[in-house]
């Protein structure tokens, strides 16, 4: 199954989820206005797909630093103050594509430098920095 963390207006962290190492479905981090980081996912090394969308206070995804592959797509959309994708530095294989859209403070894609295989489309759009 998947893990949905969505629509939690007061949730600042995902601490307490540290024991999760594998998610067989998608990990959705959606519309959590106060969420500042993903440090509580620090032991996650395998997930089918990942969406990080519309988290207006998210400043860091370094909690995903053990993740080496995704069975499907990586989608990062509308995270207004996220400046880097640091935390995805170990990611080597994507079974789907990448969509990075309207993450207006994003400064670079350096954290994706270890990607060796992407089986889908790369879509990078409307990131104003």
Protein backbone atom coordinates (compact mmCIF):
# COMPACT_ATOMS: atom_id res chain seq x y z
CA UNK A 1 0.00 0.00 0.00
CA UNK A 2 0.83 3.65 -0.07
CA UNK A 3 1.39 6.37 2.50
CA UNK A 4 -0.66 9.56 2.26
CA UNK A 5 0.26 12.61 4.30
CA UNK A 6 -2.20 15.15 2.98
CA UNK A 7 -4.20 18.20 4.01
CA UNK A 8 -2.76 18.54 7.51
CA UNK A 9 -2.67 22.29 8.07
CA UNK A 10 -0.84 22.17 11.43
CA UNK A 11 1.54 19.22 10.84
CA UNK A 12 5.14 20.51 11.03
CA UNK A 13 7.09 17.21 10.82
CA UNK A 14 6.58 13.57 9.98
CA UNK A 15 8.59 12.46 13.00
CA UNK A 16 7.33 9.14 14.27
CA UNK A 17 7.57 7.43 10.88
CA UNK A 18 11.28 6.61 11.26
CA UNK A 19 10.71 2.85 11.36
CA UNK A 20 9.34 2.77 7.78
CA UNK A 21 11.93 1.51 5.29
CA UNK A 22 9.72 0.35 2.39
CA UNK A 23 6.49 1.62 0.86
CA UNK A 24 5.08 -0.70 -1.80
CA UNK A 25 2.88 2.01 -3.32
CA UNK A 26 3.17 5.74 -3.67
CA UNK A 27 4.30 8.16 -1.01
CA UNK A 28 2.13 11.27 -1.23
CA UNK A 29 3.14 14.39 0.69
CA UNK A 30 0.38 16.82 -0.34
CA UNK A 31 -0.95 20.18 0.85
CA UNK A 32 0.53 20.25 4.34
CA UNK A 33 0.79 23.99 4.98
CA UNK A 34 3.03 23.85 8.07
CA UNK A 35 5.27 20.89 7.10
CA UNK A 36 8.92 22.01 7.17
CA UNK A 37 10.89 18.80 6.53
CA UNK A 38 10.70 15.06 5.87
CA UNK A 39 13.26 14.01 8.49
CA UNK A 40 10.86 11.44 9.95
CA UNK A 41 11.31 9.38 6.76
CA UNK A 42 15.06 9.02 7.31
CA UNK A 43 15.05 5.20 7.01
CA UNK A 44 13.00 5.00 3.83
CA UNK A 45 15.04 3.28 1.13
CA UNK A 46 12.36 1.94 -1.23
CA UNK A 47 9.12 3.43 -2.53
CA UNK A 48 7.12 2.79 -5.69
CA UNK A 49 6.50 6.45 -6.53
CA UNK A 50 6.87 9.83 -4.88
CA UNK A 51 4.78 12.98 -5.02
CA UNK A 52 5.68 16.08 -3.00
CA UNK A 53 3.13 18.74 -3.88
CA UNK A 54 1.86 22.05 -2.47
CA UNK A 55 3.65 22.10 0.87
CA UNK A 56 4.10 25.84 1.26
CA UNK A 57 6.46 25.72 4.29
CA UNK A 58 8.63 22.79 3.16
CA UNK A 59 12.31 23.78 3.29
CA UNK A 60 14.04 20.39 3.28
CA UNK A 61 13.61 16.88 1.89
CA UNK A 62 16.93 15.61 3.25
CA UNK A 63 15.00 12.98 5.20
CA UNK A 64 14.80 11.01 1.94
CA UNK A 65 18.58 10.58 1.76
CA UNK A 66 18.50 6.73 1.83
CA UNK A 67 16.24 6.48 -1.21
CA UNK A 68 18.10 4.89 -4.16
CA UNK A 69 15.32 3.99 -6.60
CA UNK A 70 11.70 4.65 -7.43
CA UNK A 71 9.57 2.11 -9.26
CA UNK A 72 7.56 4.88 -10.89
CA UNK A 73 7.66 8.66 -11.10
CA UNK A 74 9.07 11.53 -9.06
CA UNK A 75 6.75 14.53 -8.92
CA UNK A 76 7.65 17.76 -7.12
CA UNK A 77 5.08 20.50 -7.66
CA UNK A 78 4.20 23.81 -6.04
CA UNK A 79 6.50 23.77 -3.00
CA UNK A 80 7.02 27.52 -2.78
CA UNK A 81 10.14 27.79 -0.59
CA UNK A 82 11.94 24.51 -1.32
CA UNK A 83 15.35 25.61 -2.65
CA UNK A 84 17.06 22.28 -3.33
CA UNK A 85 16.27 18.63 -3.90
CA UNK A 86 18.99 17.59 -1.45
CA UNK A 87 17.88 14.29 -0.02
CA UNK A 88 17.48 12.71 -3.44
CA UNK A 89 21.26 12.55 -3.93
CA UNK A 90 21.37 8.73 -3.75
CA UNK A 91 18.60 8.26 -6.31
CA UNK A 92 19.98 6.24 -9.25
CA UNK A 93 16.99 4.65 -11.02
CA UNK A 94 13.52 5.94 -11.88
CA UNK A 95 11.03 3.48 -13.34
CA UNK A 96 8.96 6.41 -14.58
CA UNK A 97 9.58 10.06 -15.28
CA UNK A 98 10.34 13.26 -13.44
CA UNK A 99 8.05 16.26 -13.17
CA UNK A 100 9.33 19.33 -11.34
CA UNK A 101 6.89 22.19 -11.74
CA UNK A 102 6.15 25.52 -10.03
CA UNK A 103 8.65 25.03 -7.24
CA UNK A 104 9.57 28.68 -7.61
CA UNK A 105 12.50 28.89 -5.17
CA UNK A 106 14.32 25.86 -6.59
CA UNK A 107 17.92 26.90 -7.32
CA UNK A 108 19.33 23.81 -9.05
CA UNK A 109 18.94 20.13 -9.83
CA UNK A 110 22.31 19.08 -8.39
CA UNK A 111 20.77 16.46 -6.09
CA UNK A 112 19.71 14.45 -9.15
CA UNK A 113 23.31 14.10 -10.32
CA UNK A 114 23.53 10.38 -9.49
CA UNK A 115 20.56 9.39 -11.68
CA UNK A 116 21.72 6.77 -14.16
CA UNK A 117 18.41 5.58 -15.61
CA UNK A 118 15.08 7.32 -16.19
CA UNK A 119 12.44 5.25 -18.01
CA UNK A 120 9.94 8.07 -18.51
CA UNK A 121 9.69 11.70 -19.55
CA UNK A 122 11.57 14.52 -17.85
CA UNK A 123 9.35 17.58 -17.36
CA UNK A 124 10.87 20.66 -15.70
CA UNK A 125 8.66 23.72 -15.98
CA UNK A 126 7.79 27.06 -14.34
CA UNK A 127 10.50 27.01 -11.69
CA UNK A 128 11.29 30.74 -11.61
CA UNK A 129 14.72 30.68 -9.98
